[in-house]
N, C-alpha and C. Protein backbone atom coordinates (compact mmCIF):
# COMPACT_ATOMS: atom_id res chain seq x y z
N MET A 1 -7.99 -22.82 35.38
CA MET A 1 -8.05 -23.54 34.14
C MET A 1 -7.26 -22.76 33.09
N THR A 2 -6.43 -23.43 32.38
CA THR A 2 -5.65 -22.78 31.35
C THR A 2 -6.15 -23.20 29.98
N THR A 3 -5.99 -22.29 29.05
CA THR A 3 -6.36 -22.61 27.68
C THR A 3 -5.11 -22.56 26.83
N TRP A 4 -5.05 -23.43 25.88
CA TRP A 4 -3.90 -23.50 24.99
C TRP A 4 -4.27 -22.92 23.65
N ARG A 5 -3.43 -22.05 23.18
CA ARG A 5 -3.61 -21.51 21.83
C ARG A 5 -2.71 -22.30 20.93
N SER A 6 -3.26 -22.74 19.86
CA SER A 6 -2.43 -23.49 18.93
C SER A 6 -1.52 -22.53 18.16
N HIS A 7 -0.43 -23.06 17.66
CA HIS A 7 0.48 -22.25 16.86
C HIS A 7 -0.19 -21.83 15.57
N ARG A 8 -1.13 -22.60 15.12
CA ARG A 8 -1.84 -22.30 13.87
C ARG A 8 -2.62 -21.00 14.00
N SER A 9 -3.31 -20.80 15.13
CA SER A 9 -4.11 -19.58 15.28
C SER A 9 -3.23 -18.34 15.40
N SER A 10 -2.07 -18.46 16.04
CA SER A 10 -1.19 -17.30 16.14
C SER A 10 -0.56 -16.97 14.79
N ARG A 11 -0.28 -18.00 13.99
CA ARG A 11 0.24 -17.75 12.64
C ARG A 11 -0.83 -17.11 11.77
N THR A 12 -2.06 -17.56 11.93
CA THR A 12 -3.15 -16.97 11.16
C THR A 12 -3.35 -15.51 11.53
N THR A 13 -3.24 -15.20 12.80
CA THR A 13 -3.37 -13.82 13.25
C THR A 13 -2.24 -12.95 12.68
N ALA A 14 -1.03 -13.46 12.70
CA ALA A 14 0.09 -12.71 12.15
C ALA A 14 -0.09 -12.51 10.65
N ALA A 15 -0.58 -13.51 9.97
CA ALA A 15 -0.82 -13.40 8.53
C ALA A 15 -1.88 -12.34 8.24
N ARG A 16 -2.90 -12.28 9.06
CA ARG A 16 -3.94 -11.26 8.87
C ARG A 16 -3.40 -9.86 9.12
N VAL A 17 -2.56 -9.71 10.11
CA VAL A 17 -1.97 -8.40 10.39
C VAL A 17 -1.11 -7.95 9.22
N ILE A 18 -0.30 -8.85 8.69
CA ILE A 18 0.56 -8.51 7.55
C ILE A 18 -0.28 -8.16 6.33
N THR A 19 -1.32 -8.92 6.08
CA THR A 19 -2.22 -8.62 4.96
C THR A 19 -2.88 -7.27 5.15
N GLY A 20 -3.28 -6.96 6.37
CA GLY A 20 -3.90 -5.66 6.67
C GLY A 20 -2.94 -4.50 6.45
N ILE A 21 -1.69 -4.69 6.81
CA ILE A 21 -0.69 -3.64 6.59
C ILE A 21 -0.50 -3.39 5.10
N GLY A 22 -0.44 -4.46 4.32
CA GLY A 22 -0.32 -4.31 2.87
C GLY A 22 -1.52 -3.61 2.27
N ALA A 23 -2.70 -3.94 2.76
CA ALA A 23 -3.91 -3.28 2.28
C ALA A 23 -3.91 -1.80 2.64
N LEU A 24 -3.45 -1.47 3.83
CA LEU A 24 -3.35 -0.07 4.25
C LEU A 24 -2.40 0.70 3.35
N PHE A 25 -1.25 0.12 3.06
CA PHE A 25 -0.29 0.77 2.17
C PHE A 25 -0.90 0.99 0.79
N ALA A 26 -1.62 0.00 0.29
CA ALA A 26 -2.25 0.12 -1.03
C ALA A 26 -3.34 1.19 -1.03
N VAL A 27 -4.11 1.28 0.04
CA VAL A 27 -5.15 2.30 0.14
C VAL A 27 -4.53 3.70 0.16
N ILE A 28 -3.43 3.86 0.86
CA ILE A 28 -2.75 5.16 0.87
C ILE A 28 -2.33 5.56 -0.54
N GLU A 29 -1.77 4.61 -1.28
CA GLU A 29 -1.35 4.89 -2.65
C GLU A 29 -2.54 5.24 -3.54
N VAL A 30 -3.64 4.52 -3.41
CA VAL A 30 -4.83 4.78 -4.23
C VAL A 30 -5.44 6.13 -3.89
N VAL A 31 -5.49 6.48 -2.62
CA VAL A 31 -6.02 7.78 -2.22
C VAL A 31 -5.17 8.89 -2.81
N TYR A 32 -3.86 8.70 -2.81
CA TYR A 32 -2.97 9.72 -3.38
C TYR A 32 -3.19 9.84 -4.90
N ILE A 33 -3.37 8.72 -5.57
CA ILE A 33 -3.67 8.75 -7.01
C ILE A 33 -4.94 9.54 -7.26
N LEU A 34 -5.98 9.25 -6.50
CA LEU A 34 -7.26 9.94 -6.69
C LEU A 34 -7.13 11.43 -6.42
N MET A 35 -6.33 11.80 -5.44
CA MET A 35 -6.14 13.21 -5.14
C MET A 35 -5.38 13.92 -6.27
N ILE A 36 -4.40 13.24 -6.86
CA ILE A 36 -3.66 13.83 -7.98
C ILE A 36 -4.57 14.00 -9.18
N ILE A 37 -5.31 12.95 -9.52
CA ILE A 37 -6.17 13.00 -10.70
C ILE A 37 -7.29 14.02 -10.54
N ALA A 38 -7.84 14.12 -9.32
CA ALA A 38 -8.93 15.06 -9.07
C ALA A 38 -8.43 16.49 -8.95
N GLY A 39 -7.12 16.69 -8.87
CA GLY A 39 -6.57 18.03 -8.78
C GLY A 39 -6.72 18.65 -7.40
N ALA A 40 -6.46 17.87 -6.38
CA ALA A 40 -6.59 18.36 -5.01
C ALA A 40 -5.61 19.50 -4.75
N ASN A 41 -5.97 20.36 -3.82
CA ASN A 41 -5.15 21.50 -3.45
C ASN A 41 -3.88 21.01 -2.75
N ALA A 42 -2.73 21.23 -3.36
CA ALA A 42 -1.46 20.75 -2.82
C ALA A 42 -1.09 21.45 -1.51
N GLY A 43 -1.69 22.59 -1.22
CA GLY A 43 -1.42 23.30 0.01
C GLY A 43 -2.22 22.80 1.20
N ASN A 44 -3.16 21.91 0.96
CA ASN A 44 -4.01 21.37 2.02
C ASN A 44 -3.21 20.45 2.92
N ALA A 45 -3.49 20.49 4.22
CA ALA A 45 -2.75 19.67 5.19
C ALA A 45 -2.99 18.18 4.98
N PHE A 46 -4.23 17.80 4.64
CA PHE A 46 -4.51 16.38 4.41
C PHE A 46 -3.77 15.87 3.19
N TYR A 47 -3.73 16.68 2.14
CA TYR A 47 -2.99 16.31 0.94
C TYR A 47 -1.50 16.13 1.28
N GLY A 48 -0.96 17.04 2.05
CA GLY A 48 0.44 16.93 2.45
C GLY A 48 0.71 15.70 3.29
N PHE A 49 -0.23 15.36 4.16
CA PHE A 49 -0.09 14.16 5.00
C PHE A 49 -0.09 12.90 4.15
N ILE A 50 -1.05 12.80 3.24
CA ILE A 50 -1.13 11.62 2.36
C ILE A 50 0.10 11.55 1.47
N ARG A 51 0.54 12.68 0.97
CA ARG A 51 1.74 12.70 0.11
C ARG A 51 2.96 12.25 0.90
N ALA A 52 3.08 12.70 2.15
CA ALA A 52 4.21 12.31 2.99
C ALA A 52 4.23 10.81 3.26
N LEU A 53 3.07 10.17 3.23
CA LEU A 53 3.01 8.73 3.40
C LEU A 53 3.21 7.99 2.08
N ALA A 54 2.60 8.50 1.01
CA ALA A 54 2.58 7.79 -0.27
C ALA A 54 3.92 7.79 -0.99
N VAL A 55 4.62 8.90 -0.94
CA VAL A 55 5.88 9.01 -1.71
C VAL A 55 6.93 8.00 -1.22
N PRO A 56 7.19 7.86 0.09
CA PRO A 56 8.16 6.84 0.49
C PRO A 56 7.68 5.41 0.23
N LEU A 57 6.36 5.19 0.31
CA LEU A 57 5.83 3.85 0.06
C LEU A 57 5.90 3.47 -1.42
N ALA A 58 6.09 4.45 -2.29
CA ALA A 58 6.17 4.17 -3.72
C ALA A 58 7.51 3.55 -4.11
N LEU A 59 8.47 3.58 -3.20
CA LEU A 59 9.78 2.97 -3.40
C LEU A 59 10.46 3.47 -4.66
N PHE A 60 10.77 2.59 -5.57
CA PHE A 60 11.51 2.93 -6.80
C PHE A 60 10.60 3.10 -8.00
N PHE A 61 9.29 3.02 -7.84
CA PHE A 61 8.37 3.02 -8.97
C PHE A 61 8.17 4.37 -9.67
N PRO A 62 8.15 5.52 -8.96
CA PRO A 62 7.95 6.78 -9.68
C PRO A 62 9.06 7.03 -10.70
N GLY A 63 8.64 7.31 -11.91
CA GLY A 63 9.58 7.58 -12.98
C GLY A 63 10.09 6.34 -13.68
N LEU A 64 9.61 5.18 -13.30
CA LEU A 64 10.07 3.94 -13.92
C LEU A 64 9.66 3.87 -15.39
N PHE A 65 8.44 4.33 -15.67
CA PHE A 65 7.95 4.38 -17.05
C PHE A 65 7.68 5.83 -17.41
N PRO A 66 8.46 6.41 -18.31
CA PRO A 66 8.22 7.80 -18.69
C PRO A 66 6.97 7.92 -19.56
N VAL A 67 6.01 8.68 -19.08
CA VAL A 67 4.74 8.87 -19.79
C VAL A 67 4.47 10.37 -19.84
N SER A 68 3.97 10.85 -20.97
CA SER A 68 3.74 12.29 -21.12
C SER A 68 2.44 12.75 -20.44
N ASN A 69 1.46 11.88 -20.33
CA ASN A 69 0.18 12.24 -19.70
C ASN A 69 0.34 12.17 -18.18
N PRO A 70 0.13 13.29 -17.47
CA PRO A 70 0.36 13.28 -16.02
C PRO A 70 -0.60 12.37 -15.24
N ASP A 71 -1.83 12.20 -15.73
CA ASP A 71 -2.76 11.31 -15.03
C ASP A 71 -2.31 9.85 -15.13
N ILE A 72 -1.90 9.45 -16.30
CA ILE A 72 -1.42 8.07 -16.47
C ILE A 72 -0.10 7.88 -15.72
N ALA A 73 0.72 8.90 -15.71
CA ALA A 73 1.97 8.82 -14.95
C ALA A 73 1.69 8.62 -13.47
N ALA A 74 0.69 9.31 -12.93
CA ALA A 74 0.33 9.14 -11.51
C ALA A 74 -0.19 7.73 -11.25
N ILE A 75 -0.98 7.21 -12.17
CA ILE A 75 -1.50 5.85 -12.01
C ILE A 75 -0.37 4.84 -12.03
N LEU A 76 0.57 5.00 -12.94
CA LEU A 76 1.70 4.07 -13.01
C LEU A 76 2.64 4.25 -11.82
N ASP A 77 2.94 5.50 -11.48
CA ASP A 77 3.90 5.77 -10.41
C ASP A 77 3.42 5.31 -9.05
N TYR A 78 2.12 5.36 -8.80
CA TYR A 78 1.61 5.02 -7.47
C TYR A 78 0.65 3.83 -7.49
N GLY A 79 0.18 3.43 -8.66
CA GLY A 79 -0.65 2.24 -8.76
C GLY A 79 0.17 0.97 -8.72
N LEU A 80 1.32 0.99 -9.38
CA LEU A 80 2.20 -0.18 -9.33
C LEU A 80 2.68 -0.48 -7.92
N PRO A 81 3.06 0.53 -7.12
CA PRO A 81 3.43 0.20 -5.74
C PRO A 81 2.26 -0.37 -4.92
N ALA A 82 1.04 0.08 -5.22
CA ALA A 82 -0.12 -0.47 -4.51
C ALA A 82 -0.25 -1.96 -4.80
N VAL A 83 -0.13 -2.33 -6.07
CA VAL A 83 -0.19 -3.75 -6.44
C VAL A 83 1.00 -4.50 -5.83
N PHE A 84 2.16 -3.88 -5.86
CA PHE A 84 3.37 -4.48 -5.27
C PHE A 84 3.15 -4.80 -3.80
N TRP A 85 2.64 -3.83 -3.03
CA TRP A 85 2.43 -4.06 -1.60
C TRP A 85 1.42 -5.16 -1.34
N LEU A 86 0.36 -5.20 -2.14
CA LEU A 86 -0.63 -6.26 -1.98
C LEU A 86 -0.02 -7.63 -2.28
N ALA A 87 0.76 -7.70 -3.35
CA ALA A 87 1.35 -8.98 -3.74
C ALA A 87 2.40 -9.44 -2.73
N VAL A 88 3.28 -8.54 -2.32
CA VAL A 88 4.37 -8.93 -1.41
C VAL A 88 3.82 -9.32 -0.04
N THR A 89 2.94 -8.51 0.51
CA THR A 89 2.40 -8.85 1.83
C THR A 89 1.51 -10.09 1.77
N GLY A 90 0.81 -10.27 0.66
CA GLY A 90 0.02 -11.49 0.49
C GLY A 90 0.90 -12.72 0.44
N PHE A 91 2.03 -12.62 -0.27
CA PHE A 91 2.98 -13.73 -0.34
C PHE A 91 3.58 -14.03 1.04
N ILE A 92 3.98 -12.99 1.75
CA ILE A 92 4.55 -13.18 3.09
C ILE A 92 3.51 -13.78 4.03
N ALA A 93 2.29 -13.31 3.96
CA ALA A 93 1.24 -13.84 4.82
C ALA A 93 0.95 -15.30 4.49
N ARG A 94 0.97 -15.64 3.22
CA ARG A 94 0.73 -17.03 2.83
C ARG A 94 1.86 -17.93 3.34
N MET A 95 3.09 -17.47 3.24
CA MET A 95 4.21 -18.27 3.74
C MET A 95 4.15 -18.42 5.26
N LEU A 96 3.74 -17.36 5.93
CA LEU A 96 3.65 -17.39 7.38
C LEU A 96 2.50 -18.27 7.85
N GLY A 97 1.43 -18.31 7.07
CA GLY A 97 0.26 -19.09 7.46
C GLY A 97 0.42 -20.58 7.32
N ARG A 98 1.46 -21.01 6.65
CA ARG A 98 1.65 -22.46 6.46
C ARG A 98 2.13 -23.14 7.69
């Protein structure tokens, strides 16, 4: 006996995967923001790992808005990419789900 999967369910699955990837990228950015604001030890291996992931995911956003307060600068530099990834992947998932 064979079962047929509709194209709708495979599109929904792909949309969920894309949304999950965007959420993962946003979580990485938020964790990095929290580590900067909390003053995490920059020599720590976990900090270095998160930084190695967060900096390339920030794309062109760091330094876009010059701010003198380092905490607000971190929020802008890495918070905007988090929102960007959620919005872009949500848009792509919505288009794919149709």
